[in-house]
Amino acid sequence: QTGGSLRLSCVASGAIFSINVMGWYRQAPGKQRELVAAISDGGST
């Protein structure tokens, strides 16, 4: 409901080497995919 909370998780596996940036995009119906948030390997957001 409006005002509520959710926590998304994403686990990467396989040939993982030196991840630079991890993040989230979203796409609503009829809209382009947009960046929501990103975090660098150093913690910059």
PDB file of all heavy atoms in Angstrom:
ATOM      1  N   GLN A   1       0.830  -1.203   0.000  1.00  0.00           N
ATOM      2  CA  GLN A   1       0.000   0.000   0.000  1.00  0.00           C
ATOM      3  C   GLN A   1       0.871   1.262   0.000  1.00  0.00           C
ATOM      4  O   GLN A   1       2.045   1.223   0.391  1.00  0.00           O
ATOM      5  CB  GLN A   1      -0.915   0.017   1.209  1.00  0.00           C
ATOM      6  CG  GLN A   1      -1.997  -1.059   1.182  1.00  0.00           C
ATOM      7  CD  GLN A   1      -2.962  -0.929   2.350  1.00  0.00           C
ATOM      8  OE1 GLN A   1      -2.619  -0.403   3.398  1.00  0.00           O
ATOM      9  NE2 GLN A   1      -4.189  -1.410   2.155  1.00  0.00           N
ATOM     10  N   THR A   2       0.277   2.356  -0.420  1.00  0.00           N
ATOM     11  CA  THR A   2       0.967   3.646  -0.381  1.00  0.00           C
ATOM     12  C   THR A   2       1.495   3.910   1.028  1.00  0.00           C
ATOM     13  O   THR A   2       0.781   3.716   2.007  1.00  0.00           O
ATOM     14  CB  THR A   2       0.017   4.769  -0.797  1.00  0.00           C
ATOM     15  OG1 THR A   2      -0.374   4.574  -2.160  1.00  0.00           O
ATOM     16  CG2 THR A   2       0.687   6.116  -0.669  1.00  0.00           C
ATOM     17  N   GLY A   3       2.740   4.330   1.086  1.00  0.00           N
ATOM     18  CA  GLY A   3       3.388   4.587   2.366  1.00  0.00           C
ATOM     19  C   GLY A   3       4.132   3.403   2.935  1.00  0.00           C
ATOM     20  O   GLY A   3       4.857   3.539   3.930  1.00  0.00           O
ATOM     21  N   GLY A   4       3.967   2.257   2.321  1.00  0.00           N
ATOM     22  CA  GLY A   4       4.617   1.050   2.808  1.00  0.00           C
ATOM     23  C   GLY A   4       6.068   0.943   2.369  1.00  0.00           C
ATOM     24  O   GLY A   4       6.620   1.842   1.725  1.00  0.00           O
ATOM     25  N   SER A   5       6.660  -0.188   2.729  1.00  0.00           N
ATOM     26  CA  SER A   5       8.080  -0.419   2.438  1.00  0.00           C
ATOM     27  C   SER A   5       8.291  -1.793   1.823  1.00  0.00           C
ATOM     28  O   SER A   5       7.531  -2.726   2.089  1.00  0.00           O
ATOM     29  CB  SER A   5       8.910  -0.327   3.728  1.00  0.00           C
ATOM     30  OG  SER A   5       8.833   0.950   4.311  1.00  0.00           O
ATOM     31  N   LEU A   6       9.328  -1.879   1.034  1.00  0.00           N
ATOM     32  CA  LEU A   6       9.793  -3.142   0.477  1.00  0.00           C
ATOM     33  C   LEU A   6      11.313  -3.102   0.422  1.00  0.00           C
ATOM     34  O   LEU A   6      11.906  -2.023   0.301  1.00  0.00           O
ATOM     35  CB  LEU A   6       9.253  -3.384  -0.932  1.00  0.00           C
ATOM     36  CG  LEU A   6       7.795  -3.770  -1.111  1.00  0.00           C
ATOM     37  CD1 LEU A   6       7.434  -3.802  -2.582  1.00  0.00           C
ATOM     38  CD2 LEU A   6       7.509  -5.122  -0.466  1.00  0.00           C
ATOM     39  N   ARG A   7      11.918  -4.276   0.476  1.00  0.00           N
ATOM     40  CA  ARG A   7      13.367  -4.381   0.327  1.00  0.00           C
ATOM     41  C   ARG A   7      13.678  -5.357  -0.791  1.00  0.00           C
ATOM     42  O   ARG A   7      13.325  -6.538  -0.700  1.00  0.00           O
ATOM     43  CB  ARG A   7      14.018  -4.858   1.620  1.00  0.00           C
ATOM     44  CG  ARG A   7      15.548  -4.795   1.579  1.00  0.00           C
ATOM     45  CD  ARG A   7      16.140  -5.467   2.778  1.00  0.00           C
ATOM     46  NE  ARG A   7      17.553  -5.164   2.955  1.00  0.00           N
ATOM     47  CZ  ARG A   7      18.438  -6.005   3.469  1.00  0.00           C
ATOM     48  NH1 ARG A   7      18.052  -7.205   3.868  1.00  0.00           N
ATOM     49  NH2 ARG A   7      19.715  -5.645   3.598  1.00  0.00           N
ATOM     50  N   LEU A   8      14.311  -4.863  -1.829  1.00  0.00           N
ATOM     51  CA  LEU A   8      14.728  -5.702  -2.941  1.00  0.00           C
ATOM     52  C   LEU A   8      16.152  -6.191  -2.707  1.00  0.00           C
ATOM     53  O   LEU A   8      16.987  -5.463  -2.171  1.00  0.00           O
ATOM     54  CB  LEU A   8      14.662  -4.934  -4.255  1.00  0.00           C
ATOM     55  CG  LEU A   8      13.328  -4.285  -4.624  1.00  0.00           C
ATOM     56  CD1 LEU A   8      13.433  -3.640  -6.005  1.00  0.00           C
ATOM     57  CD2 LEU A   8      12.195  -5.291  -4.584  1.00  0.00           C
ATOM     58  N   SER A   9      16.398  -7.412  -3.135  1.00  0.00           N
ATOM     59  CA  SER A   9      17.743  -7.989  -3.077  1.00  0.00           C
ATOM     60  C   SER A   9      18.110  -8.543  -4.440  1.00  0.00           C
ATOM     61  O   SER A   9      17.244  -8.988  -5.200  1.00  0.00           O
ATOM     62  CB  SER A   9      17.818  -9.113  -2.046  1.00  0.00           C
ATOM     63  OG  SER A   9      17.499  -8.664  -0.756  1.00  0.00           O
ATOM     64  N   CYS A  10      19.380  -8.528  -4.746  1.00  0.00           N
ATOM     65  CA  CYS A  10      19.870  -9.087  -6.001  1.00  0.00           C
ATOM     66  C   CYS A  10      21.209  -9.746  -5.741  1.00  0.00           C
ATOM     67  O   CYS A  10      22.149  -9.087  -5.284  1.00  0.00           O
ATOM     68  CB  CYS A  10      20.013  -7.998  -7.050  1.00  0.00           C
ATOM     69  SG  CYS A  10      20.787  -8.531  -8.587  1.00  0.00           S
ATOM     70  N   VAL A  11      21.267 -11.036  -6.038  1.00  0.00           N
ATOM     71  CA  VAL A  11      22.489 -11.802  -5.840  1.00  0.00           C
ATOM     72  C   VAL A  11      23.102 -12.134  -7.189  1.00  0.00           C
ATOM     73  O   VAL A  11      22.411 -12.674  -8.068  1.00  0.00           O
ATOM     74  CB  VAL A  11      22.213 -13.099  -5.066  1.00  0.00           C
ATOM     75  CG1 VAL A  11      23.516 -13.860  -4.855  1.00  0.00           C
ATOM     76  CG2 VAL A  11      21.560 -12.798  -3.730  1.00  0.00           C
ATOM     77  N   ALA A  12      24.368 -11.814  -7.346  1.00  0.00           N
ATOM     78  CA  ALA A  12      25.086 -12.125  -8.573  1.00  0.00           C
ATOM     79  C   ALA A  12      25.929 -13.375  -8.375  1.00  0.00           C
ATOM     80  O   ALA A  12      26.544 -13.556  -7.324  1.00  0.00           O
ATOM     81  CB  ALA A  12      25.981 -10.961  -8.972  1.00  0.00           C
ATOM     82  N   SER A  13      25.950 -14.235  -9.385  1.00  0.00           N
ATOM     83  CA  SER A  13      26.750 -15.449  -9.312  1.00  0.00           C
ATOM     84  C   SER A  13      27.339 -15.743 -10.683  1.00  0.00           C
ATOM     85  O   SER A  13      26.924 -15.184 -11.698  1.00  0.00           O
ATOM     86  CB  SER A  13      25.909 -16.623  -8.817  1.00  0.00           C
ATOM     87  OG  SER A  13      24.859 -16.888  -9.727  1.00  0.00           O
ATOM     88  N   GLY A  14      28.303 -16.674 -10.687  1.00  0.00           N
ATOM     89  CA  GLY A  14      28.942 -17.047 -11.943  1.00  0.00           C
ATOM     90  C   GLY A  14      30.312 -16.418 -12.058  1.00  0.00           C
ATOM     91  O   GLY A  14      31.043 -16.298 -11.085  1.00  0.00           O
ATOM     92  N   ALA A  15      30.636 -15.982 -13.258  1.00  0.00           N
ATOM     93  CA  ALA A  15      31.963 -15.433 -13.552  1.00  0.00           C
ATOM     94  C   ALA A  15      32.042 -13.979 -13.113  1.00  0.00           C
ATOM     95  O   ALA A  15      32.013 -13.054 -13.926  1.00  0.00           O
ATOM     96  CB  ALA A  15      32.267 -15.570 -15.033  1.00  0.00           C
ATOM     97  N   ILE A  16      32.132 -13.804 -11.790  1.00  0.00           N
ATOM     98  CA  ILE A  16      32.138 -12.464 -11.211  1.00  0.00           C
ATOM     99  C   ILE A  16      33.583 -12.033 -10.961  1.00  0.00           C
ATOM    100  O   ILE A  16      34.304 -12.691 -10.216  1.00  0.00           O
ATOM    101  CB  ILE A  16      31.356 -12.436  -9.888  1.00  0.00           C
ATOM    102  CG1 ILE A  16      29.931 -12.935 -10.081  1.00  0.00           C
ATOM    103  CG2 ILE A  16      31.376 -11.026  -9.297  1.00  0.00           C
ATOM    104  CD1 ILE A  16      29.090 -12.076 -10.985  1.00  0.00           C
ATOM    105  N   PHE A  17      33.968 -10.926 -11.563  1.00  0.00           N
ATOM    106  CA  PHE A  17      35.303 -10.381 -11.368  1.00  0.00           C
ATOM    107  C   PHE A  17      35.209  -8.877 -11.246  1.00  0.00           C
ATOM    108  O   PHE A  17      34.700  -8.215 -12.136  1.00  0.00           O
ATOM    109  CB  PHE A  17      36.222 -10.736 -12.544  1.00  0.00           C
ATOM    110  CG  PHE A  17      36.326 -12.198 -12.819  1.00  0.00           C
ATOM    111  CD1 PHE A  17      35.586 -12.778 -13.833  1.00  0.00           C
ATOM    112  CD2 PHE A  17      37.159 -12.997 -12.058  1.00  0.00           C
ATOM    113  CE1 PHE A  17      35.683 -14.129 -14.090  1.00  0.00           C
ATOM    114  CE2 PHE A  17      37.259 -14.352 -12.305  1.00  0.00           C
ATOM    115  CZ  PHE A  17      36.519 -14.932 -13.324  1.00  0.00           C
ATOM    116  N   SER A  18      35.661  -8.336 -10.161  1.00  0.00           N
ATOM    117  CA  SER A  18      35.806  -6.886  -9.984  1.00  0.00           C
ATOM    118  C   SER A  18      34.589  -6.106 -10.457  1.00  0.00           C
ATOM    119  O   SER A  18      34.640  -5.382 -11.452  1.00  0.00           O
ATOM    120  CB  SER A  18      37.054  -6.402 -10.734  1.00  0.00           C
ATOM    121  OG  SER A  18      38.204  -7.021 -10.233  1.00  0.00           O
ATOM    122  N   ILE A  19      33.512  -6.258  -9.698  1.00  0.00           N
ATOM    123  CA  ILE A  19      32.305  -5.498 -10.016  1.00  0.00           C
ATOM    124  C   ILE A  19      32.566  -4.011  -9.784  1.00  0.00           C
ATOM    125  O   ILE A  19      33.048  -3.615  -8.726  1.00  0.00           O
ATOM    126  CB  ILE A  19      31.131  -5.965  -9.137  1.00  0.00           C
ATOM    127  CG1 ILE A  19      30.819  -7.438  -9.409  1.00  0.00           C
ATOM    128  CG2 ILE A  19      29.902  -5.106  -9.409  1.00  0.00           C
ATOM    129  CD1 ILE A  19      29.783  -8.012  -8.455  1.00  0.00           C
ATOM    130  N   ASN A  20      32.248  -3.212 -10.763  1.00  0.00           N
ATOM    131  CA  ASN A  20      32.421  -1.766 -10.631  1.00  0.00           C
ATOM    132  C   ASN A  20      31.196  -1.128  -9.977  1.00  0.00           C
ATOM    133  O   ASN A  20      31.271  -0.542  -8.912  1.00  0.00           O
ATOM    134  CB  ASN A  20      32.673  -1.129 -11.989  1.00  0.00           C
ATOM    135  CG  ASN A  20      33.965  -1.596 -12.620  1.00  0.00           C
ATOM    136  OD1 ASN A  20      34.962  -1.778 -11.940  1.00  0.00           O
ATOM    137  ND2 ASN A  20      33.940  -1.825 -13.908  1.00  0.00           N
ATOM    138  N   VAL A  21      30.086  -1.257 -10.620  1.00  0.00           N
ATOM    139  CA  VAL A  21      28.853  -0.619 -10.160  1.00  0.00           C
ATOM    140  C   VAL A  21      27.748  -1.669 -10.100  1.00  0.00           C
ATOM    141  O   VAL A  21      27.659  -2.534 -10.972  1.00  0.00           O
ATOM    142  CB  VAL A  21      28.419   0.524 -11.097  1.00  0.00           C
ATOM    143  CG1 VAL A  21      27.103   1.131 -10.646  1.00  0.00           C
ATOM    144  CG2 VAL A  21      29.508   1.600 -11.159  1.00  0.00           C
ATOM    145  N   MET A  22      26.941  -1.584  -9.078  1.00  0.00           N
ATOM    146  CA  MET A  22      25.706  -2.368  -8.987  1.00  0.00           C
ATOM    147  C   MET A  22      24.567  -1.382  -8.794  1.00  0.00           C
ATOM    148  O   MET A  22      24.761  -0.297  -8.201  1.00  0.00           O
ATOM    149  CB  MET A  22      25.748  -3.358  -7.826  1.00  0.00           C
ATOM    150  CG  MET A  22      26.858  -4.383  -7.941  1.00  0.00           C
ATOM    151  SD  MET A  22      26.753  -5.665  -6.656  1.00  0.00           S
ATOM    152  CE  MET A  22      25.470  -6.718  -7.349  1.00  0.00           C
ATOM    153  N   GLY A  23      23.412  -1.757  -9.272  1.00  0.00           N
ATOM    154  CA  GLY A  23      22.310  -0.816  -9.117  1.00  0.00           C
ATOM    155  C   GLY A  23      20.979  -1.372  -9.557  1.00  0.00           C
ATOM    156  O   GLY A  23      20.846  -2.566  -9.827  1.00  0.00           O
ATOM    157  N   TRP A  24      20.032  -0.460  -9.596  1.00  0.00           N
ATOM    158  CA  TRP A  24      18.652  -0.812  -9.939  1.00  0.00           C
ATOM    159  C   TRP A  24      18.101   0.186 -10.957  1.00  0.00           C
ATOM    160  O   TRP A  24      18.276   1.407 -10.812  1.00  0.00           O
ATOM    161  CB  TRP A  24      17.775  -0.778  -8.689  1.00  0.00           C
ATOM    162  CG  TRP A  24      18.158  -1.787  -7.668  1.00  0.00           C
ATOM    163  CD1 TRP A  24      19.063  -1.640  -6.647  1.00  0.00           C
ATOM    164  CD2 TRP A  24      17.653  -3.131  -7.556  1.00  0.00           C
ATOM    165  NE1 TRP A  24      19.148  -2.794  -5.918  1.00  0.00           N
ATOM    166  CE2 TRP A  24      18.292  -3.725  -6.452  1.00  0.00           C
ATOM    167  CE3 TRP A  24      16.721  -3.870  -8.273  1.00  0.00           C
ATOM    168  CZ2 TRP A  24      18.031  -5.030  -6.051  1.00  0.00           C
ATOM    169  CZ3 TRP A  24      16.461  -5.165  -7.873  1.00  0.00           C
ATOM    170  CH2 TRP A  24      17.110  -5.739  -6.779  1.00  0.00           C
ATOM    171  N   TYR A  25      17.433  -0.352 -11.954  1.00  0.00           N
ATOM    172  CA  TYR A  25      16.628   0.414 -12.885  1.00  0.00           C
ATOM    173  C   TYR A  25      15.178  -0.012 -12.689  1.00  0.00           C
ATOM    174  O   TYR A  25      14.902  -1.054 -12.077  1.00  0.00           O
ATOM    175  CB  TYR A  25      17.048   0.140 -14.323  1.00  0.00           C
ATOM    176  CG  TYR A  25      18.235   0.936 -14.809  1.00  0.00           C
ATOM    177  CD1 TYR A  25      19.514   0.659 -14.346  1.00  0.00           C
ATOM    178  CD2 TYR A  25      18.080   1.949 -15.741  1.00  0.00           C
ATOM    179  CE1 TYR A  25      20.608   1.375 -14.787  1.00  0.00           C
ATOM    180  CE2 TYR A  25      19.166   2.675 -16.207  1.00  0.00           C
ATOM    181  CZ  TYR A  25      20.430   2.381 -15.720  1.00  0.00           C
ATOM    182  OH  TYR A  25      21.512   3.103 -16.172  1.00  0.00           O
ATOM    183  N   ARG A  26      14.264   0.761 -13.222  1.00  0.00           N
ATOM    184  CA  ARG A  26      12.867   0.358 -13.228  1.00  0.00           C
ATOM    185  C   ARG A  26      12.218   0.789 -14.538  1.00  0.00           C
ATOM    186  O   ARG A  26      12.649   1.734 -15.178  1.00  0.00           O
ATOM    187  CB  ARG A  26      12.113   0.933 -12.028  1.00  0.00           C
ATOM    188  CG  ARG A  26      11.929   2.442 -12.053  1.00  0.00           C
ATOM    189  CD  ARG A  26      11.282   2.916 -10.756  1.00  0.00           C
ATOM    190  NE  ARG A  26      11.090   4.364 -10.730  1.00  0.00           N
ATOM    191  CZ  ARG A  26      10.675   5.048  -9.673  1.00  0.00           C
ATOM    192  NH1 ARG A  26      10.398   4.412  -8.532  1.00  0.00           N
ATOM    193  NH2 ARG A  26      10.528   6.358  -9.742  1.00  0.00           N
ATOM    194  N   GLN A  27      11.164   0.067 -14.864  1.00  0.00           N
ATOM    195  CA  GLN A  27      10.407   0.380 -16.073  1.00  0.00           C
ATOM    196  C   GLN A  27       8.924   0.214 -15.791  1.00  0.00           C
ATOM    197  O   GLN A  27       8.472  -0.890 -15.465  1.00  0.00           O
ATOM    198  CB  GLN A  27      10.829  -0.513 -17.240  1.00  0.00           C
ATOM    199  CG  GLN A  27      10.207  -0.104 -18.557  1.00  0.00           C
ATOM    200  CD  GLN A  27      10.876  -0.767 -19.741  1.00  0.00           C
ATOM    201  OE1 GLN A  27      11.571  -1.768 -19.617  1.00  0.00           O
ATOM    202  NE2 GLN A  27      10.695  -0.187 -20.924  1.00  0.00           N
ATOM    203  N   ALA A  28       8.213   1.312 -15.915  1.00  0.00           N
ATOM    204  CA  ALA A  28       6.764   1.300 -15.750  1.00  0.00           C
ATOM    205  C   ALA A  28       6.126   1.098 -17.120  1.00  0.00           C
ATOM    206  O   ALA A  28       6.734   1.387 -18.149  1.00  0.00           O
ATOM    207  CB  ALA A  28       6.299   2.616 -15.137  1.00  0.00           C
ATOM    208  N   PRO A  29       4.877   0.628 -17.146  1.00  0.00           N
ATOM    209  CA  PRO A  29       4.198   0.401 -18.432  1.00  0.00           C
ATOM    210  C   PRO A  29       4.169   1.665 -19.281  1.00  0.00           C
ATOM    211  O   PRO A  29       3.801   2.740 -18.802  1.00  0.00           O
ATOM    212  CB  PRO A  29       2.793  -0.020 -18.003  1.00  0.00           C
ATOM    213  CG  PRO A  29       2.970  -0.607 -16.653  1.00  0.00           C
ATOM    214  CD  PRO A  29       4.058   0.192 -16.003  1.00  0.00           C
ATOM    215  N   GLY A  30       4.589   1.529 -20.529  1.00  0.00           N
ATOM    216  CA  GLY A  30       4.557   2.657 -21.448  1.00  0.00           C
ATOM    217  C   GLY A  30       5.660   3.668 -21.260  1.00  0.00           C
ATOM    218  O   GLY A  30       5.665   4.712 -21.927  1.00  0.00           O
ATOM    219  N   LYS A  31       6.603   3.392 -20.365  1.00  0.00           N
ATOM    220  CA  LYS A  31       7.689   4.331 -20.093  1.00  0.00           C
ATOM    221  C   LYS A  31       9.034   3.680 -20.351  1.00  0.00           C
ATOM    222  O   LYS A  31       9.163   2.470 -20.400  1.00  0.00           O
ATOM    223  CB  LYS A  31       7.619   4.836 -18.652  1.00  0.00           C
ATOM    224  CG  LYS A  31       6.378   5.657 -18.354  1.00  0.00           C
ATOM    225  CD  LYS A  31       6.459   6.292 -16.976  1.00  0.00           C
ATOM    226  CE  LYS A  31       5.250   7.179 -16.704  1.00  0.00           C
ATOM    227  NZ  LYS A  31       5.337   7.804 -15.358  1.00  0.00           N
ATOM    228  N   GLN A  32      10.049   4.524 -20.511  1.00  0.00           N
ATOM    229  CA  GLN A  32      11.395   4.016 -20.694  1.00  0.00           C
ATOM    230  C   GLN A  32      11.985   3.535 -19.373  1.00  0.00           C
ATOM    231  O   GLN A  32      11.594   3.985 -18.294  1.00  0.00           O
ATOM    232  CB  GLN A  32      12.284   5.120 -21.292  1.00  0.00           C
ATOM    233  CG  GLN A  32      11.978   5.454 -22.730  1.00  0.00           C
ATOM    234  CD  GLN A  32      12.996   6.408 -23.333  1.00  0.00           C
ATOM    235  OE1 GLN A  32      13.553   7.243 -22.626  1.00  0.00           O
ATOM    236  NE2 GLN A  32      13.256   6.274 -24.618  1.00  0.00           N
ATOM    237  N   ARG A  33      12.937   2.632 -19.490  1.00  0.00           N
ATOM    238  CA  ARG A  33      13.648   2.177 -18.301  1.00  0.00           C
ATOM    239  C   ARG A  33      14.481   3.340 -17.750  1.00  0.00           C
ATOM    240  O   ARG A  33      15.123   4.066 -18.506  1.00  0.00           O
ATOM    241  CB  ARG A  33      14.554   0.995 -18.645  1.00  0.00           C
ATOM    242  CG  ARG A  33      15.147   0.295 -17.449  1.00  0.00           C
ATOM    243  CD  ARG A  33      15.904  -0.957 -17.866  1.00  0.00           C
ATOM    244  NE  ARG A  33      15.028  -1.980 -18.440  1.00  0.00           N
ATOM    245  CZ  ARG A  33      15.407  -3.226 -18.677  1.00  0.00           C
ATOM    246  NH1 ARG A  33      16.642  -3.608 -18.385  1.00  0.00           N
ATOM    247  NH2 ARG A  33      14.577  -4.083 -19.218  1.00  0.00           N
ATOM    248  N   GLU A  34      14.431   3.518 -16.441  1.00  0.00           N
ATOM    249  CA  GLU A  34      15.146   4.629 -15.818  1.00  0.00           C
ATOM    250  C   GLU A  34      15.979   4.153 -14.639  1.00  0.00           C
ATOM    251  O   GLU A  34      15.614   3.189 -13.959  1.00  0.00           O
ATOM    252  CB  GLU A  34      14.161   5.704 -15.331  1.00  0.00           C
ATOM    253  CG  GLU A  34      13.200   5.240 -14.250  1.00  0.00           C
ATOM    254  CD  GLU A  34      12.341   6.368 -13.683  1.00  0.00           C
ATOM    255  OE1 GLU A  34      12.529   7.531 -14.078  1.00  0.00           O
ATOM    256  OE2 GLU A  34      11.480   6.077 -12.824  1.00  0.00           O
ATOM    257  N   LEU A  35      17.072   4.846 -14.418  1.00  0.00           N
ATOM    258  CA  LEU A  35      17.918   4.539 -13.279  1.00  0.00           C
ATOM    259  C   LEU A  35      17.210   4.938 -11.986  1.00  0.00           C
ATOM    260  O   LEU A  35      16.690   6.042 -11.877  1.00  0.00           O
ATOM    261  CB  LEU A  35      19.245   5.287 -13.381  1.00  0.00           C
ATOM    262  CG  LEU A  35      20.185   5.146 -12.185  1.00  0.00           C
ATOM    263  CD1 LEU A  35      20.715   3.729 -12.069  1.00  0.00           C
ATOM    264  CD2 LEU A  35      21.325   6.149 -12.292  1.00  0.00           C
ATOM    265  N   VAL A  36      17.216   4.031 -11.028  1.00  0.00           N
ATOM    266  CA  VAL A  36      16.673   4.314  -9.700  1.00  0.00           C
ATOM    267  C   VAL A  36      17.808   4.676  -8.746  1.00  0.00           C
ATOM    268  O   VAL A  36      17.789   5.716  -8.100  1.00  0.00           O
ATOM    269  CB  VAL A  36      15.894   3.116  -9.154  1.00  0.00           C
ATOM    270  CG1 VAL A  36      15.396   3.407  -7.736  1.00  0.00           C
ATOM    271  CG2 VAL A  36      14.737   2.755 -10.071  1.00  0.00           C
ATOM    272  N   ALA A  37      18.794   3.791  -8.657  1.00  0.00           N
ATOM    273  CA  ALA A  37      19.917   4.010  -7.751  1.00  0.00           C
ATOM    274  C   ALA A  37      21.080   3.137  -8.171  1.00  0.00           C
ATOM    275  O   ALA A  37      20.885   2.064  -8.744  1.00  0.00           O
ATOM    276  CB  ALA A  37      19.528   3.690  -6.308  1.00  0.00           C
ATOM    277  N   ALA A  38      22.282   3.610  -7.871  1.00  0.00           N
ATOM    278  CA  ALA A  38      23.488   2.855  -8.184  1.00  0.00           C
ATOM    279  C   ALA A  38      24.507   3.065  -7.081  1.00  0.00           C
ATOM    280  O   ALA A  38      24.490   4.091  -6.386  1.00  0.00           O
ATOM    281  CB  ALA A  38      24.072   3.297  -9.517  1.00  0.00           C
ATOM    282  N   ILE A  39      25.397   2.076  -6.922  1.00  0.00           N
ATOM    283  CA  ILE A  39      26.430   2.158  -5.903  1.00  0.00           C
ATOM    284  C   ILE A  39      27.728   1.602  -6.473  1.00  0.00           C
ATOM    285  O   ILE A  39      27.742   0.538  -7.091  1.00  0.00           O
ATOM    286  CB  ILE A  39      25.998   1.423  -4.617  1.00  0.00           C
ATOM    287  CG1 ILE A  39      27.049   1.586  -3.523  1.00  0.00           C
ATOM    288  CG2 ILE A  39      25.675  -0.039  -4.876  1.00  0.00           C
ATOM    289  CD1 ILE A  39      26.540   1.164  -2.135  1.00  0.00           C
ATOM    290  N   SER A  40      28.799   2.342  -6.274  1.00  0.00           N
ATOM    291  CA  SER A  40      30.093   1.928  -6.800  1.00  0.00           C
ATOM    292  C   SER A  40      30.764   0.938  -5.850  1.00  0.00           C
ATOM    293  O   SER A  40      30.314   0.720  -4.723  1.00  0.00           O
ATOM    294  CB  SER A  40      30.994   3.150  -6.970  1.00  0.00           C
ATOM    295  OG  SER A  40      31.381   3.640  -5.690  1.00  0.00           O
ATOM    296  N   ASP A  41      31.856   0.366  -6.302  1.00  0.00           N
ATOM    297  CA  ASP A  41      32.582  -0.580  -5.445  1.00  0.00           C
ATOM    298  C   ASP A  41      33.151   0.127  -4.216  1.00  0.00           C
ATOM    299  O   ASP A  41      33.380  -0.512  -3.193  1.00  0.00           O
ATOM    300  CB  ASP A  41      33.686  -1.277  -6.227  1.00  0.00           C
ATOM    301  CG  ASP A  41      34.655  -0.310  -6.875  1.00  0.00           C
ATOM    302  OD1 ASP A  41      34.380   0.904  -6.877  1.00  0.00           O
ATOM    303  OD2 ASP A  41      35.681  -0.767  -7.398  1.00  0.00           O
ATOM    304  N   GLY A  42      33.313   1.436  -4.302  1.00  0.00           N
ATOM    305  CA  GLY A  42      33.803   2.198  -3.160  1.00  0.00           C
ATOM    306  C   GLY A  42      32.718   2.715  -2.250  1.00  0.00           C
ATOM    307  O   GLY A  42      32.999   3.323  -1.215  1.00  0.00           O
ATOM    308  N   GLY A  43      31.472   2.479  -2.622  1.00  0.00           N
ATOM    309  CA  GLY A  43      30.350   2.881  -1.785  1.00  0.00           C
ATOM    310  C   GLY A  43      29.686   4.188  -2.163  1.00  0.00           C
ATOM    311  O   GLY A  43      28.729   4.616  -1.504  1.00  0.00           O
ATOM    312  N   SER A  44      30.160   4.833  -3.210  1.00  0.00           N
ATOM    313  CA  SER A  44      29.496   6.061  -3.659  1.00  0.00           C
ATOM    314  C   SER A  44      28.139   5.722  -4.260  1.00  0.00           C
ATOM    315  O   SER A  44      28.006   4.734  -4.982  1.00  0.00           O
ATOM    316  CB  SER A  44      30.354   6.770  -4.705  1.00  0.00           C
ATOM    317  OG  SER A  44      31.581   7.169  -4.145  1.00  0.00           O
ATOM    318  N   THR A  45      27.154   6.552  -3.947  1.00  0.00           N
ATOM    319  CA  THR A  45      25.795   6.267  -4.392  1.00  0.00           C
ATOM    320  C   THR A  45      25.249   7.387  -5.281  1.00  0.00           C
ATOM    321  O   THR A  45      25.692   8.531  -5.212  1.00  0.00           O
ATOM    322  CB  THR A  45      24.848   6.081  -3.199  1.00  0.00           C
ATOM    323  OG1 THR A  45      24.884   7.270  -2.386  1.00  0.00           O
ATOM    324  CG2 THR A  45      25.256   4.885  -2.364  1.00  0.00           C
TER     325      THR A  45
END
